[in-house]
Amino acid sequence: MSLDVPASALARCAVHPELPAAGTCSRCGGFVCADCVRVVPGLEGRVFCAACAARPEVNYLEAFRLEFWGRRDRWAWTVGVVTLALCALGLVSALDQRAPTALRLLFTFLTPVPVGVAFFLGRSWARHALVATPVATPVVMAVLLEPSSREEVALMMVCAVPALIIAIVIHSDVRNQLFFRLDVTPGQLKALWNVRRNNPLARHALSFGLGGVFMPVFAPLAVLCGAVAWRRVDPEAYPPIGRGGQALAGIVLGVASLLLWGFVLLSFLSRFLSGVVVHK
C-alpha cells in the first residue's frame, strides 16, 4: 500500500510558487527553491533566502568589508607621517652645506617620498613599491655617493632590514588590502572580523588575565570581563558570537592570579607580624 502525496500539498517556494521547496531559510523559516538558496560566507552549513542573505546582520562579513572598503588604516597614516618626516629631514639636510648633494637629493625625493605619497593616496602600485623601497634605496645610494660616504650606505643597509620586514607586514595586512580596494578571501575577512568585532571582551579578559599574573589589579578585571564575555557567547546568533575559550582562559587566569597574589600577600603579612611580635 502506498500513499501518493498530491503535488498541491508539497511545500512551495515563497518567491516562486510554481517550484517545489528545496529547503527552509535558517533565519525566517520560509521555504526556498533551488534558485533562491543562498549560502553566506562565514555561516557555512546554513541556508538562507535572498532577502535574509542580504541583511547586514546575516551577511556580516560583506557589511564588515564595505565598512573598511577604501578607508585608510593605521598603516596608511603611519606611512604618511613617515613621508612627512623624510621631507622635513631632507629639507634640513638641504640647508646643511656639509651634506653631500647626491645624498640630499636621493634621501629627499628620489625613492621614499613619492612612494609614500602614492601609498597614502591609495595607488595600487605603491603597495609593491613600498616593499622594494628599503632594498632599492641603499643600492642607489651606493651608486651615487662618493667612496668616502660608504659608512652612511652601510648604516642605511642595516636600517633597511627592519624597514623591509615592516613593509612585508604592511603588504600582507588584510585591513590595508581593504584600503586599496583589493578582494580578500572569506577566510581572511573572517579572521579580521574575529580580531576586531567578535566578542572583544573575551580578548580583553585574556589580556587582563595575563597582566594579572604580574599586576594583581588586573585580575578582578579579567574575571569580570571573562564572565560577561562568556555569557555573550552564542554560535547561533547573527552574526555568531564566539571566543568562549578566551573568555574562559581569562577567568581562569584571573582567579589563579588572585589566589597567587593572595598567598604571597598572606605570607608577607605573616612574616611581618611574626617579626613584630618577636621584636616586642
Protein backbone atom coordinates (compact mmCIF):
# COMPACT_ATOMS: atom_id res chain seq x y z
CA MET A 1 0.00 0.00 0.00
CA SER A 2 1.42 3.38 -0.92
CA LEU A 3 0.24 6.88 -0.27
CA ASP A 4 0.69 9.39 -3.05
CA VAL A 5 1.03 12.98 -1.92
CA PRO A 6 -0.64 15.37 -4.37
CA ALA A 7 1.58 17.96 -5.93
CA SER A 8 -0.57 20.73 -4.48
CA ALA A 9 0.25 19.55 -0.95
CA LEU A 10 4.01 19.78 -1.42
CA ALA A 11 5.84 22.77 0.04
CA ARG A 12 6.36 25.54 -2.46
CA CYS A 13 8.90 28.32 -2.69
CA ALA A 14 7.60 31.57 -1.21
CA VAL A 15 9.03 33.59 -4.12
CA HIS A 16 8.39 31.08 -6.90
CA PRO A 17 5.17 29.20 -6.07
CA GLU A 18 5.44 27.12 -9.23
CA LEU A 19 8.67 25.48 -7.94
CA PRO A 20 8.91 22.96 -5.11
CA ALA A 21 10.83 23.97 -2.00
CA ALA A 22 14.39 22.74 -1.67
CA GLY A 23 14.80 23.83 1.93
CA THR A 24 13.90 26.38 4.54
CA CYS A 25 15.63 29.63 5.44
CA SER A 26 17.64 29.35 8.65
CA ARG A 27 16.59 32.82 9.74
CA CYS A 28 12.93 33.35 8.77
CA GLY A 29 11.91 29.73 8.23
CA GLY A 30 10.40 30.39 4.81
CA PHE A 31 10.51 27.81 2.03
CA VAL A 32 13.07 28.40 -0.71
CA CYS A 33 13.61 26.71 -4.05
CA ALA A 34 16.97 25.76 -5.51
CA ASP A 35 17.23 29.12 -7.32
CA CYS A 36 16.57 31.08 -4.14
CA VAL A 37 19.01 29.25 -1.88
CA ARG A 38 21.80 31.49 -0.64
CA VAL A 39 24.90 30.48 1.31
CA VAL A 40 26.55 33.28 3.28
CA PRO A 41 30.35 33.30 3.82
CA GLY A 42 31.14 32.69 7.46
CA LEU A 43 27.87 30.83 8.02
CA GLU A 44 28.57 27.68 6.05
CA GLY A 45 26.10 24.89 6.66
CA ARG A 46 23.12 27.23 6.87
CA VAL A 47 20.71 28.07 4.06
CA PHE A 48 19.08 31.48 3.66
CA CYS A 49 16.59 33.07 1.35
CA ALA A 50 17.67 36.01 -0.80
CA ALA A 51 16.04 38.59 1.46
CA CYS A 52 17.65 37.32 4.66
CA ALA A 53 21.03 36.80 2.99
CA ALA A 54 21.09 40.49 2.06
CA ARG A 55 20.59 41.64 5.64
CA PRO A 56 23.78 43.07 7.26
CA GLU A 57 23.44 41.00 10.43
CA VAL A 58 23.36 37.81 8.35
CA ASN A 59 25.88 38.70 5.64
CA TYR A 60 28.03 40.30 8.31
CA LEU A 61 31.33 39.71 6.51
CA GLU A 62 30.18 41.68 3.48
CA ALA A 63 28.93 44.52 5.70
CA PHE A 64 32.25 44.42 7.53
CA ARG A 65 34.16 44.57 4.23
CA LEU A 66 32.17 47.54 2.98
CA GLU A 67 32.78 49.37 6.25
CA PHE A 68 36.54 49.45 5.63
CA TRP A 69 36.48 49.48 1.81
CA GLY A 70 38.71 52.33 0.64
CA ARG A 71 39.22 53.75 4.14
CA ARG A 72 42.75 54.49 5.33
CA ASP A 73 44.07 52.24 8.05
CA ARG A 74 46.78 52.82 10.63
CA TRP A 75 49.50 51.71 8.21
CA ALA A 76 48.46 54.29 5.63
CA TRP A 77 48.60 57.04 8.25
CA THR A 78 51.94 55.72 9.52
CA VAL A 79 53.44 55.79 6.04
CA GLY A 80 52.08 59.31 5.54
CA VAL A 81 53.66 60.55 8.78
CA VAL A 82 56.99 58.91 7.94
CA THR A 83 56.89 60.52 4.49
CA LEU A 84 56.40 63.95 6.06
CA ALA A 85 59.29 63.24 8.40
CA LEU A 86 61.51 62.33 5.43
CA CYS A 87 60.55 65.56 3.70
CA ALA A 88 61.44 67.55 6.83
CA LEU A 89 64.72 65.68 7.22
CA GLY A 90 65.55 66.27 3.57
CA LEU A 91 64.83 69.98 3.98
CA VAL A 92 67.14 70.18 6.98
CA SER A 93 69.90 68.32 5.13
CA ALA A 94 69.47 70.62 2.13
CA LEU A 95 70.24 73.60 4.35
CA ASP A 96 73.41 71.92 5.60
CA GLN A 97 76.23 72.67 3.18
CA ARG A 98 78.32 69.80 4.56
CA ALA A 99 75.81 67.14 3.44
CA PRO A 100 76.55 65.54 0.05
CA THR A 101 74.29 66.83 -2.70
CA ALA A 102 73.55 63.34 -4.04
CA LEU A 103 72.53 62.14 -0.59
CA ARG A 104 70.18 65.11 -0.11
CA LEU A 105 68.53 64.58 -3.49
CA LEU A 106 68.15 60.83 -3.08
CA PHE A 107 67.09 60.82 0.56
CA THR A 108 64.51 63.55 -0.01
CA PHE A 109 62.81 62.85 -3.33
CA LEU A 110 64.23 60.04 -5.41
CA THR A 111 62.89 56.92 -3.73
CA PRO A 112 60.95 57.06 -0.44
CA VAL A 113 58.86 60.21 -0.71
CA PRO A 114 56.96 59.56 -3.98
CA VAL A 115 56.21 56.01 -2.90
CA GLY A 116 54.98 57.21 0.50
CA VAL A 117 52.71 59.84 -1.06
CA ALA A 118 51.28 57.35 -3.56
CA PHE A 119 50.73 54.81 -0.80
CA PHE A 120 48.88 57.35 1.33
CA LEU A 121 46.69 58.25 -1.66
CA GLY A 122 45.82 54.58 -2.23
CA ARG A 123 47.61 53.94 -5.53
CA SER A 124 47.78 50.19 -6.06
CA TRP A 125 51.34 50.16 -7.43
CA ALA A 126 52.61 51.77 -4.23
CA ARG A 127 51.89 48.58 -2.24
CA HIS A 128 54.54 46.69 -4.20
CA ALA A 129 56.88 49.68 -4.43
CA LEU A 130 56.80 50.02 -0.65
CA VAL A 131 58.39 46.57 -0.32
CA ALA A 132 61.06 47.40 -2.89
CA THR A 133 61.91 50.81 -1.41
CA PRO A 134 64.01 49.61 1.59
CA VAL A 135 66.04 47.46 -0.81
CA ALA A 136 66.38 49.96 -3.64
CA THR A 137 67.34 52.98 -1.54
CA PRO A 138 70.70 51.67 -0.21
CA VAL A 139 71.58 50.28 -3.65
CA VAL A 140 71.00 53.61 -5.40
CA MET A 141 72.83 55.44 -2.61
CA ALA A 142 75.83 53.15 -3.03
CA VAL A 143 75.94 54.07 -6.74
CA LEU A 144 75.51 57.83 -6.33
CA LEU A 145 77.53 58.55 -3.21
CA GLU A 146 81.26 59.05 -3.09
CA PRO A 147 83.52 56.32 -1.67
CA SER A 148 84.06 58.44 1.46
CA SER A 149 80.36 58.07 2.32
CA ARG A 150 80.30 54.25 2.31
CA GLU A 151 79.77 54.24 6.09
CA GLU A 152 76.46 56.02 5.60
CA VAL A 153 75.47 53.47 2.98
CA ALA A 154 76.33 50.60 5.33
CA LEU A 155 74.26 52.22 8.06
CA MET A 156 71.39 52.62 5.61
CA MET A 157 71.58 48.94 4.69
CA VAL A 158 71.38 47.95 8.35
CA CYS A 159 68.34 50.18 8.84
CA ALA A 160 66.76 48.73 5.71
CA VAL A 161 66.33 45.28 7.33
CA PRO A 162 63.61 46.26 9.87
CA ALA A 163 62.07 48.59 7.28
CA LEU A 164 61.79 45.67 4.84
CA ILE A 165 60.17 43.47 7.50
CA ILE A 166 57.63 46.19 8.29
CA ALA A 167 56.92 46.71 4.59
CA ILE A 168 56.24 42.98 4.12
CA VAL A 169 53.87 43.03 7.12
CA ILE A 170 52.04 46.02 5.64
CA HIS A 171 51.83 44.37 2.23
CA SER A 172 50.20 41.24 3.69
CA ASP A 173 47.86 43.05 6.10
CA VAL A 174 44.21 42.35 5.26
CA ARG A 175 42.96 45.66 6.59
CA ASN A 176 45.44 47.50 4.39
CA GLN A 177 44.29 45.49 1.37
CA LEU A 178 40.74 46.70 2.01
CA PHE A 179 42.04 50.27 1.95
CA PHE A 180 43.44 49.62 -1.53
CA ARG A 181 40.10 48.06 -2.58
CA LEU A 182 41.56 44.62 -3.15
CA ASP A 183 39.46 41.47 -2.93
CA VAL A 184 40.24 39.25 0.05
CA THR A 185 39.15 35.69 0.73
CA PRO A 186 36.26 35.00 3.14
CA GLY A 187 38.74 33.28 5.44
CA GLN A 188 40.96 36.36 5.65
CA LEU A 189 37.93 38.59 6.14
CA LYS A 190 36.57 36.38 8.91
CA ALA A 191 39.96 36.33 10.66
CA LEU A 192 39.98 40.14 10.62
CA TRP A 193 36.39 40.23 11.86
CA ASN A 194 37.30 37.87 14.71
CA VAL A 195 40.06 40.21 15.80
CA ARG A 196 38.03 43.42 15.60
CA ARG A 197 34.39 42.53 16.24
CA ASN A 198 33.91 39.01 17.58
CA ASN A 199 33.28 39.35 21.33
CA PRO A 200 36.09 41.84 22.09
CA LEU A 201 35.52 41.46 25.85
CA ALA A 202 36.93 37.93 25.61
CA ARG A 203 40.18 39.31 24.19
CA HIS A 204 40.29 41.94 26.95
CA ALA A 205 39.69 39.24 29.56
CA LEU A 206 42.64 37.23 28.30
CA SER A 207 44.86 40.33 28.23
CA PHE A 208 43.83 41.30 31.75
CA GLY A 209 44.38 37.71 32.88
CA LEU A 210 47.93 37.70 31.56
CA GLY A 211 48.54 41.12 33.09
CA GLY A 212 47.12 39.95 36.42
CA VAL A 213 49.97 37.47 36.77
CA PHE A 214 52.35 40.43 37.12
CA MET A 215 49.98 43.11 38.49
CA PRO A 216 47.14 41.86 40.72
CA VAL A 217 44.99 44.91 39.97
CA PHE A 218 44.17 43.40 36.56
CA ALA A 219 42.96 40.07 37.95
CA PRO A 220 39.45 41.23 39.01
CA LEU A 221 39.02 42.90 35.61
CA ALA A 222 39.92 39.62 33.92
CA VAL A 223 37.29 37.73 35.92
CA LEU A 224 34.63 40.38 35.29
CA CYS A 225 35.29 40.72 31.54
CA GLY A 226 35.60 36.96 31.16
CA ALA A 227 32.27 36.31 32.89
CA VAL A 228 30.45 38.89 30.74
CA ALA A 229 32.11 37.61 27.55
CA TRP A 230 31.25 34.01 28.44
CA ARG A 231 27.57 34.89 28.85
CA ARG A 232 27.58 36.58 25.44
CA VAL A 233 28.81 33.51 23.54
CA ASP A 234 26.13 32.36 21.11
CA PRO A 235 27.24 30.43 18.00
CA GLU A 236 23.69 30.51 16.60
CA ALA A 237 23.36 34.30 16.71
CA TYR A 238 23.58 36.57 13.66
CA PRO A 239 26.47 37.25 13.49
CA PRO A 240 27.77 34.39 15.64
CA ILE A 241 29.42 35.33 18.92
CA GLY A 242 32.37 33.16 19.85
CA ARG A 243 35.70 33.28 21.67
CA GLY A 244 34.39 31.33 24.61
CA GLY A 245 37.83 29.75 25.06
CA GLN A 246 39.49 33.13 25.52
CA ALA A 247 36.80 34.22 27.97
CA LEU A 248 37.25 31.05 30.00
CA ALA A 249 41.05 31.42 29.90
CA GLY A 250 40.70 34.99 31.20
CA ILE A 251 38.54 33.81 34.10
CA VAL A 252 40.97 31.02 34.99
CA LEU A 253 43.99 33.32 34.82
CA GLY A 254 42.20 35.99 36.85
CA VAL A 255 41.19 33.56 39.62
CA ALA A 256 44.65 31.96 39.63
CA SER A 257 46.30 35.39 39.85
CA LEU A 258 44.08 36.38 42.77
CA LEU A 259 44.92 33.16 44.60
CA LEU A 260 48.63 33.51 43.86
CA TRP A 261 48.87 37.11 44.94
CA GLY A 262 46.66 36.40 47.96
CA PHE A 263 49.04 33.65 49.02
CA VAL A 264 52.05 35.95 48.54
CA LEU A 265 50.36 38.76 50.49
CA LEU A 266 49.36 36.47 53.36
CA SER A 267 52.87 35.05 53.54
CA PHE A 268 54.33 38.55 53.65
CA LEU A 269 51.89 39.66 56.35
CA SER A 270 52.60 36.52 58.35
CA ARG A 271 56.33 37.17 58.29
CA PHE A 272 55.84 40.85 59.09
CA LEU A 273 53.56 40.16 62.06
CA SER A 274 55.87 37.42 63.32
CA GLY A 275 58.78 39.85 63.22
CA VAL A 276 56.79 42.48 65.11
CA VAL A 277 55.85 40.00 67.86
CA VAL A 278 59.44 38.79 68.24
CA HIS A 279 60.71 42.36 68.37
CA LYS A 280 58.32 43.21 71.19
